[in-house]
Amino acid sequence: MINIALDGPAGSGKSTVAKIIAKDLDILYLDTGAMYRACGLKCKKEGVSVKDEEKVRPIIENIDLKIEYKDGAQVTVLDGVDVSSEIRKPEISMLASDVSALKCVRLKMVEMQRKIAGKMDCVLDGRDIGSFVLPKAEYKYYVTADSKIRAERRYKELTERGETVDFDALHEEIKRRDYNDSHRDFAPLTKAADAKVIDTSEMTARQVADTIISDVKKG
């Protein structure tokens, strides 16, 4: 069983890299971030603060969240509706960061992620895959980049979708999310002790993917 864990801060390129790896190795790509975004969206729709664990708990315990795969791509289905595009909005990013800090949310999502990873070869990306979700994964990488470069990547991604984005505000949001993700009490963003660090600041996603694929093929 091949399990590849990619961890790193927002905008480091790990999701793009994970998709390339999955396609090249013909294995499953599990976008764990989409699962937390869906949790944040669900709380928003229910009018519940993502920081109020007592109110969030029953919502997450009964959440109707399914991860499906269509034409080689992951589809996130919440309450029977495809929310794959909706969960990519900037405001949902911050909700995802806050809601993922709640222990009840992480335990529920990690349970789902481990079940999927236990059944098939896959690559997962997130904040604590190698340190918490799949601590026994054979291949672990910490993918990072300078915060300004990460903001530039996200800005390009959003503007290409036709969204109006303020760069400085986006950069501050990414730095704030870095702080939130790395300072939460339970399962924070961290580099697993046995993970290899890859700084993507001066690398393309293809180059990063090739580096990891080469490493995996060495066994």
N, C-alpha and C. Protein backbone atom coordinates (compact mmCIF):
# COMPACT_ATOMS: atom_id res chain seq x y z
N MET A 1 0.85 -1.20 0.00
CA MET A 1 0.00 0.00 0.00
C MET A 1 0.88 1.25 0.00
N ILE A 2 0.69 2.12 -0.98
CA ILE A 2 1.44 3.38 -1.04
C ILE A 2 0.59 4.51 -0.49
N ASN A 3 1.07 5.13 0.60
CA ASN A 3 0.43 6.33 1.15
C ASN A 3 1.48 7.44 1.15
N ILE A 4 1.19 8.52 0.44
CA ILE A 4 2.11 9.66 0.36
C ILE A 4 1.47 10.83 1.09
N ALA A 5 2.18 11.37 2.08
CA ALA A 5 1.67 12.48 2.89
C ALA A 5 2.38 13.78 2.52
N LEU A 6 1.60 14.78 2.13
CA LEU A 6 2.14 16.10 1.82
C LEU A 6 1.56 17.10 2.80
N ASP A 7 2.39 17.72 3.59
CA ASP A 7 1.94 18.75 4.52
C ASP A 7 2.57 20.08 4.15
N GLY A 8 1.96 21.15 4.65
CA GLY A 8 2.52 22.47 4.39
C GLY A 8 1.48 23.55 4.54
N PRO A 9 1.91 24.81 4.57
CA PRO A 9 1.00 25.93 4.75
C PRO A 9 0.15 26.22 3.51
N ALA A 10 -0.86 27.07 3.70
CA ALA A 10 -1.76 27.43 2.60
C ALA A 10 -1.00 28.06 1.44
N GLY A 11 -1.32 27.64 0.23
CA GLY A 11 -0.73 28.24 -0.96
C GLY A 11 0.67 27.75 -1.30
N SER A 12 1.14 26.69 -0.64
CA SER A 12 2.49 26.21 -0.91
C SER A 12 2.55 25.37 -2.18
N GLY A 13 1.39 25.06 -2.73
CA GLY A 13 1.34 24.30 -3.98
C GLY A 13 1.14 22.82 -3.79
N LYS A 14 0.93 22.41 -2.54
CA LYS A 14 0.86 20.97 -2.27
C LYS A 14 -0.33 20.28 -2.94
N SER A 15 -1.46 20.98 -3.07
CA SER A 15 -2.62 20.35 -3.71
C SER A 15 -2.36 20.11 -5.19
N THR A 16 -1.79 21.11 -5.85
CA THR A 16 -1.46 20.97 -7.27
C THR A 16 -0.45 19.85 -7.47
N VAL A 17 0.55 19.81 -6.61
CA VAL A 17 1.57 18.77 -6.68
C VAL A 17 0.96 17.39 -6.45
N ALA A 18 0.08 17.30 -5.44
CA ALA A 18 -0.56 16.02 -5.11
C ALA A 18 -1.35 15.49 -6.30
N LYS A 19 -2.03 16.38 -7.01
CA LYS A 19 -2.82 15.96 -8.17
C LYS A 19 -1.93 15.41 -9.28
N ILE A 20 -0.78 16.06 -9.50
CA ILE A 20 0.16 15.59 -10.52
C ILE A 20 0.71 14.22 -10.15
N ILE A 21 1.08 14.06 -8.88
CA ILE A 21 1.62 12.79 -8.39
C ILE A 21 0.59 11.68 -8.57
N ALA A 22 -0.65 11.97 -8.17
CA ALA A 22 -1.72 10.97 -8.26
C ALA A 22 -1.93 10.52 -9.71
N LYS A 23 -1.91 11.49 -10.62
CA LYS A 23 -2.13 11.17 -12.03
C LYS A 23 -0.96 10.35 -12.59
N ASP A 24 0.26 10.77 -12.28
CA ASP A 24 1.45 10.08 -12.81
C ASP A 24 1.60 8.67 -12.26
N LEU A 25 1.27 8.49 -10.99
CA LEU A 25 1.41 7.17 -10.36
C LEU A 25 0.12 6.35 -10.44
N ASP A 26 -0.92 6.97 -11.00
CA ASP A 26 -2.23 6.31 -11.14
C ASP A 26 -2.75 5.84 -9.77
N ILE A 27 -2.70 6.76 -8.81
CA ILE A 27 -3.26 6.47 -7.49
C ILE A 27 -4.26 7.55 -7.12
N LEU A 28 -4.97 7.36 -6.04
CA LEU A 28 -6.02 8.27 -5.61
C LEU A 28 -5.45 9.55 -5.00
N TYR A 29 -6.04 10.70 -5.32
CA TYR A 29 -5.70 11.96 -4.64
C TYR A 29 -6.85 12.31 -3.72
N LEU A 30 -6.58 12.40 -2.43
CA LEU A 30 -7.61 12.77 -1.47
C LEU A 30 -7.35 14.18 -0.98
N ASP A 31 -8.18 15.12 -1.39
CA ASP A 31 -8.06 16.52 -1.00
C ASP A 31 -8.70 16.70 0.38
N THR A 32 -7.88 16.59 1.43
CA THR A 32 -8.42 16.70 2.79
C THR A 32 -8.89 18.11 3.11
N GLY A 33 -8.24 19.11 2.49
CA GLY A 33 -8.64 20.49 2.74
C GLY A 33 -10.08 20.75 2.32
N ALA A 34 -10.50 20.09 1.24
CA ALA A 34 -11.88 20.26 0.75
C ALA A 34 -12.87 19.77 1.81
N MET A 35 -12.48 18.76 2.56
CA MET A 35 -13.37 18.20 3.58
C MET A 35 -13.58 19.22 4.71
N TYR A 36 -12.51 19.91 5.11
CA TYR A 36 -12.64 20.92 6.16
C TYR A 36 -13.37 22.16 5.65
N ARG A 37 -13.17 22.47 4.39
CA ARG A 37 -13.90 23.59 3.80
C ARG A 37 -15.40 23.30 3.80
N ALA A 38 -15.73 22.05 3.50
CA ALA A 38 -17.15 21.66 3.50
C ALA A 38 -17.74 21.77 4.90
N CYS A 39 -16.95 21.44 5.91
CA CYS A 39 -17.41 21.58 7.30
C CYS A 39 -17.67 23.05 7.62
N GLY A 40 -16.76 23.92 7.17
CA GLY A 40 -16.93 25.35 7.40
C GLY A 40 -18.17 25.88 6.70
N LEU A 41 -18.38 25.41 5.46
CA LEU A 41 -19.55 25.83 4.69
C LEU A 41 -20.83 25.37 5.37
N LYS A 42 -20.83 24.15 5.89
CA LYS A 42 -22.01 23.60 6.56
C LYS A 42 -22.36 24.45 7.79
N CYS A 43 -21.37 24.83 8.57
CA CYS A 43 -21.61 25.66 9.75
C CYS A 43 -22.17 27.02 9.34
N LYS A 44 -21.62 27.56 8.24
CA LYS A 44 -22.11 28.86 7.74
C LYS A 44 -23.57 28.76 7.35
N LYS A 45 -23.92 27.69 6.66
CA LYS A 45 -25.31 27.51 6.22
C LYS A 45 -26.25 27.32 7.42
N GLU A 46 -25.71 26.74 8.51
CA GLU A 46 -26.51 26.51 9.71
C GLU A 46 -26.52 27.73 10.64
N GLY A 47 -25.75 28.75 10.27
CA GLY A 47 -25.70 29.96 11.09
C GLY A 47 -24.97 29.77 12.41
N VAL A 48 -24.03 28.84 12.43
CA VAL A 48 -23.29 28.52 13.66
C VAL A 48 -21.84 28.99 13.54
N SER A 49 -21.32 29.61 14.60
CA SER A 49 -19.93 30.06 14.61
C SER A 49 -19.00 28.85 14.56
N VAL A 50 -18.00 28.92 13.69
CA VAL A 50 -17.06 27.80 13.55
C VAL A 50 -16.12 27.70 14.75
N LYS A 51 -16.22 28.66 15.68
CA LYS A 51 -15.38 28.63 16.87
C LYS A 51 -16.14 28.12 18.10
N ASP A 52 -17.44 27.85 17.93
CA ASP A 52 -18.28 27.38 19.03
C ASP A 52 -18.39 25.86 18.97
N GLU A 53 -17.47 25.17 19.63
CA GLU A 53 -17.40 23.71 19.50
C GLU A 53 -18.67 23.00 19.96
N GLU A 54 -19.32 23.52 21.00
CA GLU A 54 -20.53 22.87 21.51
C GLU A 54 -21.64 22.85 20.46
N LYS A 55 -21.74 23.91 19.67
CA LYS A 55 -22.77 23.97 18.64
C LYS A 55 -22.33 23.28 17.35
N VAL A 56 -21.02 23.28 17.11
CA VAL A 56 -20.49 22.65 15.90
C VAL A 56 -20.56 21.12 16.01
N ARG A 57 -20.32 20.59 17.20
CA ARG A 57 -20.22 19.14 17.40
C ARG A 57 -21.40 18.36 16.81
N PRO A 58 -22.67 18.69 17.16
CA PRO A 58 -23.78 17.91 16.61
C PRO A 58 -23.92 18.04 15.09
N ILE A 59 -23.51 19.19 14.57
CA ILE A 59 -23.58 19.41 13.12
C ILE A 59 -22.61 18.47 12.41
N ILE A 60 -21.39 18.37 12.94
CA ILE A 60 -20.36 17.54 12.33
C ILE A 60 -20.65 16.05 12.53
N GLU A 61 -21.18 15.71 13.69
CA GLU A 61 -21.49 14.30 13.96
C GLU A 61 -22.51 13.76 12.97
N ASN A 62 -23.38 14.65 12.49
CA ASN A 62 -24.44 14.22 11.58
C ASN A 62 -24.27 14.75 10.15
N ILE A 63 -23.07 15.26 9.84
CA ILE A 63 -22.86 15.87 8.52
C ILE A 63 -23.00 14.84 7.40
N ASP A 64 -23.69 15.27 6.35
CA ASP A 64 -23.86 14.42 5.16
C ASP A 64 -22.81 14.84 4.14
N LEU A 65 -21.60 14.32 4.32
CA LEU A 65 -20.46 14.68 3.47
C LEU A 65 -19.93 13.45 2.77
N LYS A 66 -19.84 13.54 1.45
CA LYS A 66 -19.32 12.42 0.67
C LYS A 66 -18.23 12.91 -0.26
N ILE A 67 -17.21 12.10 -0.41
CA ILE A 67 -16.13 12.39 -1.35
C ILE A 67 -16.28 11.42 -2.51
N GLU A 68 -16.54 11.96 -3.69
CA GLU A 68 -16.74 11.12 -4.87
C GLU A 68 -15.67 11.45 -5.92
N TYR A 69 -15.50 10.57 -6.86
CA TYR A 69 -14.50 10.78 -7.91
C TYR A 69 -15.16 10.64 -9.27
N LYS A 70 -15.06 11.71 -10.06
CA LYS A 70 -15.64 11.72 -11.39
C LYS A 70 -14.61 12.20 -12.39
N ASP A 71 -14.38 11.43 -13.42
CA ASP A 71 -13.40 11.78 -14.47
C ASP A 71 -12.04 12.10 -13.87
N GLY A 72 -11.65 11.32 -12.86
CA GLY A 72 -10.33 11.47 -12.26
C GLY A 72 -10.20 12.63 -11.29
N ALA A 73 -11.29 13.34 -11.01
CA ALA A 73 -11.23 14.48 -10.10
C ALA A 73 -12.13 14.26 -8.88
N GLN A 74 -11.72 14.84 -7.77
CA GLN A 74 -12.51 14.70 -6.55
C GLN A 74 -13.69 15.67 -6.58
N VAL A 75 -14.83 15.17 -6.17
CA VAL A 75 -16.04 15.99 -6.08
C VAL A 75 -16.50 15.95 -4.63
N THR A 76 -16.67 17.12 -4.04
CA THR A 76 -17.10 17.22 -2.65
C THR A 76 -18.61 17.45 -2.62
N VAL A 77 -19.32 16.50 -2.02
CA VAL A 77 -20.79 16.55 -2.01
C VAL A 77 -21.29 16.77 -0.58
N LEU A 78 -21.97 17.88 -0.36
CA LEU A 78 -22.51 18.23 0.95
C LEU A 78 -24.03 18.28 0.86
N ASP A 79 -24.69 17.49 1.68
CA ASP A 79 -26.16 17.42 1.67
C ASP A 79 -26.70 17.13 0.27
N GLY A 80 -25.98 16.26 -0.44
CA GLY A 80 -26.43 15.85 -1.77
C GLY A 80 -26.12 16.83 -2.88
N VAL A 81 -25.40 17.92 -2.55
CA VAL A 81 -25.10 18.96 -3.55
C VAL A 81 -23.59 19.06 -3.77
N ASP A 82 -23.17 19.17 -5.03
CA ASP A 82 -21.77 19.34 -5.37
C ASP A 82 -21.34 20.76 -4.98
N VAL A 83 -20.48 20.87 -3.96
CA VAL A 83 -20.04 22.20 -3.49
C VAL A 83 -18.57 22.43 -3.81
N SER A 84 -18.03 21.67 -4.75
CA SER A 84 -16.61 21.75 -5.09
C SER A 84 -16.14 23.17 -5.42
N SER A 85 -16.97 23.95 -6.09
CA SER A 85 -16.60 25.33 -6.44
C SER A 85 -16.87 26.28 -5.29
N GLU A 86 -18.01 26.11 -4.64
CA GLU A 86 -18.40 27.02 -3.55
C GLU A 86 -17.39 27.04 -2.41
N ILE A 87 -16.80 25.90 -2.09
CA ILE A 87 -15.88 25.83 -0.96
C ILE A 87 -14.52 26.48 -1.26
N ARG A 88 -14.30 26.93 -2.49
CA ARG A 88 -13.03 27.56 -2.84
C ARG A 88 -13.04 29.07 -2.65
N LYS A 89 -14.16 29.63 -2.22
CA LYS A 89 -14.24 31.07 -2.01
C LYS A 89 -13.37 31.46 -0.82
N PRO A 90 -12.70 32.65 -0.89
CA PRO A 90 -11.78 33.08 0.17
C PRO A 90 -12.38 33.05 1.58
N GLU A 91 -13.67 33.45 1.70
CA GLU A 91 -14.26 33.47 3.04
C GLU A 91 -14.39 32.07 3.64
N ILE A 92 -14.54 31.08 2.76
CA ILE A 92 -14.64 29.69 3.24
C ILE A 92 -13.27 29.19 3.70
N SER A 93 -12.20 29.74 3.13
CA SER A 93 -10.84 29.36 3.53
C SER A 93 -10.62 29.64 5.01
N MET A 94 -11.03 30.84 5.46
CA MET A 94 -10.84 31.19 6.86
C MET A 94 -11.76 30.37 7.76
N LEU A 95 -12.96 30.10 7.31
CA LEU A 95 -13.88 29.26 8.09
C LEU A 95 -13.29 27.87 8.25
N ALA A 96 -12.66 27.38 7.19
CA ALA A 96 -12.04 26.05 7.22
C ALA A 96 -10.90 26.02 8.23
N SER A 97 -10.10 27.09 8.26
CA SER A 97 -8.99 27.17 9.19
C SER A 97 -9.48 27.13 10.63
N ASP A 98 -10.54 27.88 10.92
CA ASP A 98 -11.07 27.94 12.29
C ASP A 98 -11.77 26.63 12.68
N VAL A 99 -12.60 26.11 11.79
CA VAL A 99 -13.36 24.91 12.15
C VAL A 99 -12.45 23.69 12.28
N SER A 100 -11.37 23.67 11.51
CA SER A 100 -10.45 22.52 11.56
C SER A 100 -9.64 22.50 12.86
N ALA A 101 -9.69 23.61 13.61
CA ALA A 101 -8.97 23.65 14.89
C ALA A 101 -9.76 22.92 15.98
N LEU A 102 -11.05 22.66 15.72
CA LEU A 102 -11.88 21.99 16.72
C LEU A 102 -11.61 20.49 16.72
N LYS A 103 -11.39 19.95 17.89
CA LYS A 103 -11.05 18.53 18.02
C LYS A 103 -12.13 17.63 17.45
N CYS A 104 -13.40 17.95 17.70
CA CYS A 104 -14.50 17.10 17.23
C CYS A 104 -14.53 17.02 15.70
N VAL A 105 -14.15 18.12 15.05
CA VAL A 105 -14.14 18.17 13.58
C VAL A 105 -12.98 17.34 13.04
N ARG A 106 -11.81 17.54 13.61
CA ARG A 106 -10.63 16.83 13.11
C ARG A 106 -10.77 15.33 13.30
N LEU A 107 -11.27 14.92 14.45
CA LEU A 107 -11.42 13.49 14.69
C LEU A 107 -12.38 12.84 13.69
N LYS A 108 -13.47 13.55 13.38
CA LYS A 108 -14.46 13.03 12.43
C LYS A 108 -13.86 12.93 11.03
N MET A 109 -13.18 13.99 10.60
CA MET A 109 -12.61 14.00 9.26
C MET A 109 -11.44 13.01 9.14
N VAL A 110 -10.62 12.93 10.19
CA VAL A 110 -9.48 12.01 10.16
C VAL A 110 -9.96 10.57 10.09
N GLU A 111 -11.04 10.28 10.78
CA GLU A 111 -11.63 8.93 10.71
C GLU A 111 -11.99 8.58 9.27
N MET A 112 -12.61 9.55 8.57
CA MET A 112 -12.99 9.34 7.17
C MET A 112 -11.74 9.17 6.30
N GLN A 113 -10.74 10.01 6.55
CA GLN A 113 -9.52 9.98 5.73
C GLN A 113 -8.75 8.67 5.91
N ARG A 114 -8.65 8.20 7.14
CA ARG A 114 -7.94 6.95 7.39
C ARG A 114 -8.62 5.75 6.74
N LYS A 115 -9.94 5.77 6.72
CA LYS A 115 -10.68 4.68 6.10
C LYS A 115 -10.38 4.62 4.61
N ILE A 116 -10.36 5.78 3.98
CA ILE A 116 -10.09 5.84 2.55
C ILE A 116 -8.65 5.40 2.26
N ALA A 117 -7.69 5.93 3.05
CA ALA A 117 -6.28 5.62 2.84
C ALA A 117 -5.95 4.16 3.13
N GLY A 118 -6.76 3.54 3.99
CA GLY A 118 -6.51 2.15 4.35
C GLY A 118 -6.97 1.17 3.28
N LYS A 119 -7.74 1.66 2.33
CA LYS A 119 -8.29 0.79 1.30
C LYS A 119 -7.55 0.85 -0.03
N MET A 120 -6.78 1.91 -0.25
CA MET A 120 -6.16 2.07 -1.56
C MET A 120 -4.91 2.93 -1.53
N ASP A 121 -4.08 2.80 -2.57
CA ASP A 121 -2.91 3.66 -2.72
C ASP A 121 -3.41 5.09 -2.89
N CYS A 122 -2.80 6.03 -2.18
CA CYS A 122 -3.27 7.40 -2.33
C CYS A 122 -2.23 8.42 -1.87
N VAL A 123 -2.46 9.66 -2.29
CA VAL A 123 -1.66 10.78 -1.85
C VAL A 123 -2.61 11.76 -1.17
N LEU A 124 -2.24 12.20 0.03
CA LEU A 124 -3.07 13.13 0.80
C LEU A 124 -2.27 14.39 1.08
N ASP A 125 -2.94 15.54 1.04
CA ASP A 125 -2.26 16.76 1.41
C ASP A 125 -3.07 17.48 2.48
N GLY A 126 -2.36 18.16 3.37
CA GLY A 126 -3.04 18.86 4.44
C GLY A 126 -2.06 19.56 5.36
N ARG A 127 -2.42 19.63 6.64
CA ARG A 127 -1.58 20.30 7.63
C ARG A 127 -0.90 19.31 8.59
N ASP A 128 -1.55 18.17 8.78
CA ASP A 128 -1.03 17.23 9.78
C ASP A 128 -1.15 15.78 9.30
N ILE A 129 -0.98 15.57 8.00
CA ILE A 129 -1.13 14.22 7.45
C ILE A 129 -0.03 13.30 7.98
N GLY A 130 1.22 13.73 7.83
CA GLY A 130 2.33 12.89 8.25
C GLY A 130 2.49 12.79 9.75
N SER A 131 2.06 13.83 10.47
CA SER A 131 2.24 13.83 11.93
C SER A 131 1.08 13.20 12.67
N PHE A 132 -0.13 13.25 12.10
CA PHE A 132 -1.30 12.78 12.84
C PHE A 132 -2.21 11.83 12.06
N VAL A 133 -2.59 12.21 10.86
CA VAL A 133 -3.54 11.41 10.09
C VAL A 133 -2.96 10.06 9.71
N LEU A 134 -1.79 10.09 9.07
CA LEU A 134 -1.13 8.85 8.64
C LEU A 134 0.31 8.84 9.13
N PRO A 135 0.51 8.72 10.45
CA PRO A 135 1.87 8.76 11.00
C PRO A 135 2.77 7.63 10.53
N LYS A 136 2.16 6.56 10.00
CA LYS A 136 2.96 5.42 9.54
C LYS A 136 3.17 5.44 8.02
N ALA A 137 2.76 6.52 7.37
CA ALA A 137 2.95 6.63 5.92
C ALA A 137 4.44 6.51 5.59
N GLU A 138 4.75 5.76 4.55
CA GLU A 138 6.15 5.54 4.20
C GLU A 138 6.80 6.77 3.58
N TYR A 139 5.99 7.58 2.88
CA TYR A 139 6.52 8.75 2.18
C TYR A 139 5.89 10.02 2.73
N LYS A 140 6.72 10.86 3.34
CA LYS A 140 6.23 12.10 3.95
C LYS A 140 7.06 13.30 3.46
N TYR A 141 6.36 14.37 3.11
CA TYR A 141 7.03 15.58 2.61
C TYR A 141 6.38 16.82 3.20
N TYR A 142 7.21 17.81 3.52
CA TYR A 142 6.70 19.10 4.01
C TYR A 142 6.98 20.12 2.92
N VAL A 143 5.93 20.56 2.27
CA VAL A 143 6.02 21.47 1.11
C VAL A 143 5.74 22.89 1.56
N THR A 144 6.70 23.79 1.36
CA THR A 144 6.53 25.15 1.85
C THR A 144 7.04 26.16 0.82
N ALA A 145 6.82 27.46 1.10
CA ALA A 145 7.29 28.54 0.23
C ALA A 145 7.11 29.85 0.98
N ASP A 146 7.80 30.88 0.55
CA ASP A 146 7.68 32.20 1.14
C ASP A 146 6.22 32.66 1.08
N SER A 147 5.74 33.33 2.13
CA SER A 147 4.32 33.72 2.19
C SER A 147 3.91 34.65 1.05
N LYS A 148 4.79 35.54 0.61
CA LYS A 148 4.43 36.45 -0.48
C LYS A 148 4.27 35.68 -1.78
N ILE A 149 5.14 34.72 -2.01
CA ILE A 149 5.04 33.90 -3.22
C ILE A 149 3.75 33.08 -3.18
N ARG A 150 3.40 32.57 -2.00
CA ARG A 150 2.16 31.80 -1.86
C ARG A 150 0.94 32.69 -2.12
N ALA A 151 1.03 33.94 -1.68
CA ALA A 151 -0.08 34.88 -1.91
C ALA A 151 -0.20 35.20 -3.40
N GLU A 152 0.94 35.33 -4.08
CA GLU A 152 0.93 35.61 -5.52
C GLU A 152 0.29 34.46 -6.29
N ARG A 153 0.58 33.23 -5.86
CA ARG A 153 0.00 32.06 -6.53
C ARG A 153 -1.51 32.03 -6.35
N ARG A 154 -1.95 32.28 -5.11
CA ARG A 154 -3.38 32.25 -4.83
C ARG A 154 -4.11 33.40 -5.55
N TYR A 155 -3.46 34.56 -5.62
CA TYR A 155 -4.02 35.73 -6.31
C TYR A 155 -4.25 35.40 -7.78
N LYS A 156 -3.22 34.80 -8.39
CA LYS A 156 -3.31 34.42 -9.81
C LYS A 156 -4.44 33.41 -10.02
N GLU A 157 -4.53 32.44 -9.13
CA GLU A 157 -5.57 31.41 -9.22
C GLU A 157 -6.97 32.01 -9.15
N LEU A 158 -7.18 32.93 -8.21
CA LEU A 158 -8.50 33.53 -8.01
C LEU A 158 -8.87 34.50 -9.13
N THR A 159 -7.90 35.32 -9.56
CA THR A 159 -8.21 36.29 -10.62
C THR A 159 -8.48 35.59 -11.95
N GLU A 160 -7.82 34.46 -12.17
CA GLU A 160 -8.07 33.70 -13.41
C GLU A 160 -9.48 33.13 -13.42
N ARG A 161 -10.07 32.99 -12.22
CA ARG A 161 -11.46 32.54 -12.14
C ARG A 161 -12.45 33.70 -12.28
N GLY A 162 -11.90 34.91 -12.43
CA GLY A 162 -12.76 36.07 -12.60
C GLY A 162 -13.13 36.77 -11.31
N GLU A 163 -12.50 36.37 -10.20
CA GLU A 163 -12.80 36.98 -8.91
C GLU A 163 -11.95 38.24 -8.69
N THR A 164 -12.54 39.23 -8.02
CA THR A 164 -11.82 40.46 -7.70
C THR A 164 -11.18 40.29 -6.32
N VAL A 165 -9.85 40.40 -6.28
CA VAL A 165 -9.12 40.13 -5.05
C VAL A 165 -8.12 41.24 -4.75
N ASP A 166 -8.04 41.65 -3.48
CA ASP A 166 -7.04 42.62 -3.05
C ASP A 166 -5.80 41.84 -2.60
N PHE A 167 -4.68 42.06 -3.28
CA PHE A 167 -3.48 41.27 -3.01
C PHE A 167 -3.00 41.40 -1.57
N ASP A 168 -2.90 42.63 -1.08
CA ASP A 168 -2.40 42.84 0.28
C ASP A 168 -3.28 42.15 1.32
N ALA A 169 -4.59 42.23 1.11
CA ALA A 169 -5.53 41.59 2.05
C ALA A 169 -5.36 40.07 1.99
N LEU A 170 -5.13 39.55 0.78
CA LEU A 170 -4.94 38.11 0.59
C LEU A 170 -3.66 37.66 1.28
N HIS A 171 -2.61 38.47 1.13
CA HIS A 171 -1.32 38.13 1.77
C HIS A 171 -1.47 38.08 3.29
N GLU A 172 -2.18 39.07 3.84
CA GLU A 172 -2.39 39.11 5.29
C GLU A 172 -3.23 37.92 5.75
N GLU A 173 -4.20 37.54 4.91
CA GLU A 173 -5.05 36.39 5.25
C GLU A 173 -4.23 35.11 5.31
N ILE A 174 -3.30 34.96 4.36
CA ILE A 174 -2.46 33.77 4.34
C ILE A 174 -1.54 33.73 5.55
N LYS A 175 -0.97 34.88 5.93
CA LYS A 175 -0.10 34.92 7.12
C LYS A 175 -0.90 34.64 8.38
N ARG A 176 -2.14 35.15 8.42
CA ARG A 176 -3.00 34.91 9.57
C ARG A 176 -3.38 33.44 9.65
N ARG A 177 -3.63 32.84 8.50
CA ARG A 177 -3.98 31.42 8.49
C ARG A 177 -2.78 30.57 8.90
N ASP A 178 -1.59 30.95 8.46
CA ASP A 178 -0.38 30.24 8.89
C ASP A 178 -0.30 30.21 10.41
N TYR A 179 -0.55 31.38 11.02
CA TYR A 179 -0.47 31.47 12.48
C TYR A 179 -1.54 30.60 13.13
N ASN A 180 -2.76 30.72 12.63
CA ASN A 180 -3.86 29.93 13.20
C ASN A 180 -3.58 28.44 13.09
N ASP A 181 -3.14 28.00 11.90
CA ASP A 181 -2.93 26.58 11.67
C ASP A 181 -1.79 26.01 12.52
N SER A 182 -0.75 26.80 12.73
CA SER A 182 0.40 26.30 13.47
C SER A 182 0.29 26.48 14.98
N HIS A 183 -0.70 27.25 15.44
CA HIS A 183 -0.84 27.49 16.87
C HIS A 183 -2.08 26.85 17.50
N ARG A 184 -2.86 26.10 16.72
CA ARG A 184 -4.02 25.48 17.33
C ARG A 184 -3.57 24.38 18.30
N ASP A 185 -4.40 24.12 19.29
CA ASP A 185 -4.05 23.18 20.35
C ASP A 185 -3.97 21.73 19.87
N PHE A 186 -4.89 21.36 18.98
CA PHE A 186 -4.99 19.96 18.57
C PHE A 186 -4.54 19.77 17.13
N ALA A 187 -3.59 18.86 16.92
CA ALA A 187 -3.09 18.52 15.58
C ALA A 187 -2.77 19.75 14.73
N PRO A 188 -1.84 20.59 15.18
CA PRO A 188 -1.48 21.78 14.42
C PRO A 188 -0.66 21.49 13.17
N LEU A 189 -0.53 22.51 12.33
CA LEU A 189 0.34 22.41 11.15
C LEU A 189 1.75 22.18 11.67
N THR A 190 2.35 21.10 11.25
CA THR A 190 3.71 20.82 11.70
C THR A 190 4.41 19.88 10.73
N LYS A 191 5.73 19.92 10.76
CA LYS A 191 6.51 19.00 9.93
C LYS A 191 6.75 17.73 10.72
N ALA A 192 6.36 16.60 10.15
CA ALA A 192 6.62 15.32 10.82
C ALA A 192 8.13 15.15 10.94
N ALA A 193 8.58 14.54 12.02
CA ALA A 193 10.02 14.38 12.27
C ALA A 193 10.74 13.69 11.12
N ASP A 194 10.05 12.76 10.44
CA ASP A 194 10.69 12.01 9.35
C ASP A 194 10.29 12.50 7.96
N ALA A 195 9.75 13.72 7.88
CA ALA A 195 9.34 14.26 6.57
C ALA A 195 10.50 15.00 5.91
N LYS A 196 10.55 14.94 4.59
CA LYS A 196 11.56 15.67 3.83
C LYS A 196 10.99 17.03 3.45
N VAL A 197 11.76 18.08 3.68
CA VAL A 197 11.32 19.45 3.39
C VAL A 197 11.62 19.82 1.93
N ILE A 198 10.62 20.39 1.26
CA ILE A 198 10.80 20.86 -0.11
C ILE A 198 10.32 22.31 -0.17
N ASP A 199 11.24 23.24 -0.43
CA ASP A 199 10.88 24.66 -0.56
C ASP A 199 10.54 24.90 -2.03
N THR A 200 9.29 25.24 -2.29
CA THR A 200 8.82 25.38 -3.67
C THR A 200 8.90 26.81 -4.21
N SER A 201 9.50 27.71 -3.43
CA SER A 201 9.53 29.14 -3.82
C SER A 201 10.05 29.35 -5.24
N GLU A 202 11.09 28.59 -5.60
CA GLU A 202 11.71 28.76 -6.92
C GLU A 202 11.48 27.54 -7.81
N MET A 203 10.45 26.75 -7.49
CA MET A 203 10.18 25.54 -8.26
C MET A 203 8.78 25.56 -8.84
N THR A 204 8.60 24.93 -9.97
CA THR A 204 7.26 24.77 -10.54
C THR A 204 6.64 23.54 -9.88
N ALA A 205 5.32 23.44 -9.98
CA ALA A 205 4.62 22.29 -9.41
C ALA A 205 5.13 21.00 -10.05
N ARG A 206 5.42 21.06 -11.34
CA ARG A 206 5.92 19.89 -12.06
C ARG A 206 7.26 19.44 -11.49
N GLN A 207 8.14 20.39 -11.19
CA GLN A 207 9.45 20.06 -10.65
C GLN A 207 9.34 19.43 -9.26
N VAL A 208 8.42 19.97 -8.46
CA VAL A 208 8.23 19.43 -7.11
C VAL A 208 7.69 18.00 -7.20
N ALA A 209 6.68 17.82 -8.07
CA ALA A 209 6.09 16.49 -8.25
C ALA A 209 7.14 15.49 -8.72
N ASP A 210 7.97 15.90 -9.68
CA ASP A 210 9.00 15.00 -10.21
C ASP A 210 10.00 14.61 -9.12
N THR A 211 10.32 15.55 -8.24
CA THR A 211 11.24 15.29 -7.14
C THR A 211 10.66 14.21 -6.22
N ILE A 212 9.39 14.35 -5.89
CA ILE A 212 8.74 13.39 -5.00
C ILE A 212 8.56 12.03 -5.67
N ILE A 213 8.11 12.04 -6.92
CA ILE A 213 7.90 10.80 -7.65
C ILE A 213 9.20 10.00 -7.75
N SER A 214 10.28 10.71 -8.04
CA SER A 214 11.61 10.08 -8.13
C SER A 214 11.98 9.42 -6.81
N ASP A 215 11.68 10.11 -5.73
CA ASP A 215 11.99 9.60 -4.41
C ASP A 215 11.16 8.36 -4.08
N VAL A 216 9.86 8.43 -4.44
CA VAL A 216 8.97 7.28 -4.18
C VAL A 216 9.40 6.06 -4.98
N LYS A 217 9.79 6.27 -6.23
CA LYS A 217 10.19 5.16 -7.08
C LYS A 217 11.49 4.49 -6.63
N LYS A 218 12.28 5.22 -5.86
CA LYS A 218 13.50 4.63 -5.32
C LYS A 218 13.16 3.59 -4.26
N GLY A 219 11.92 3.74 -3.72
CA GLY A 219 11.48 2.80 -2.69
C GLY A 219 12.02 3.15 -1.34
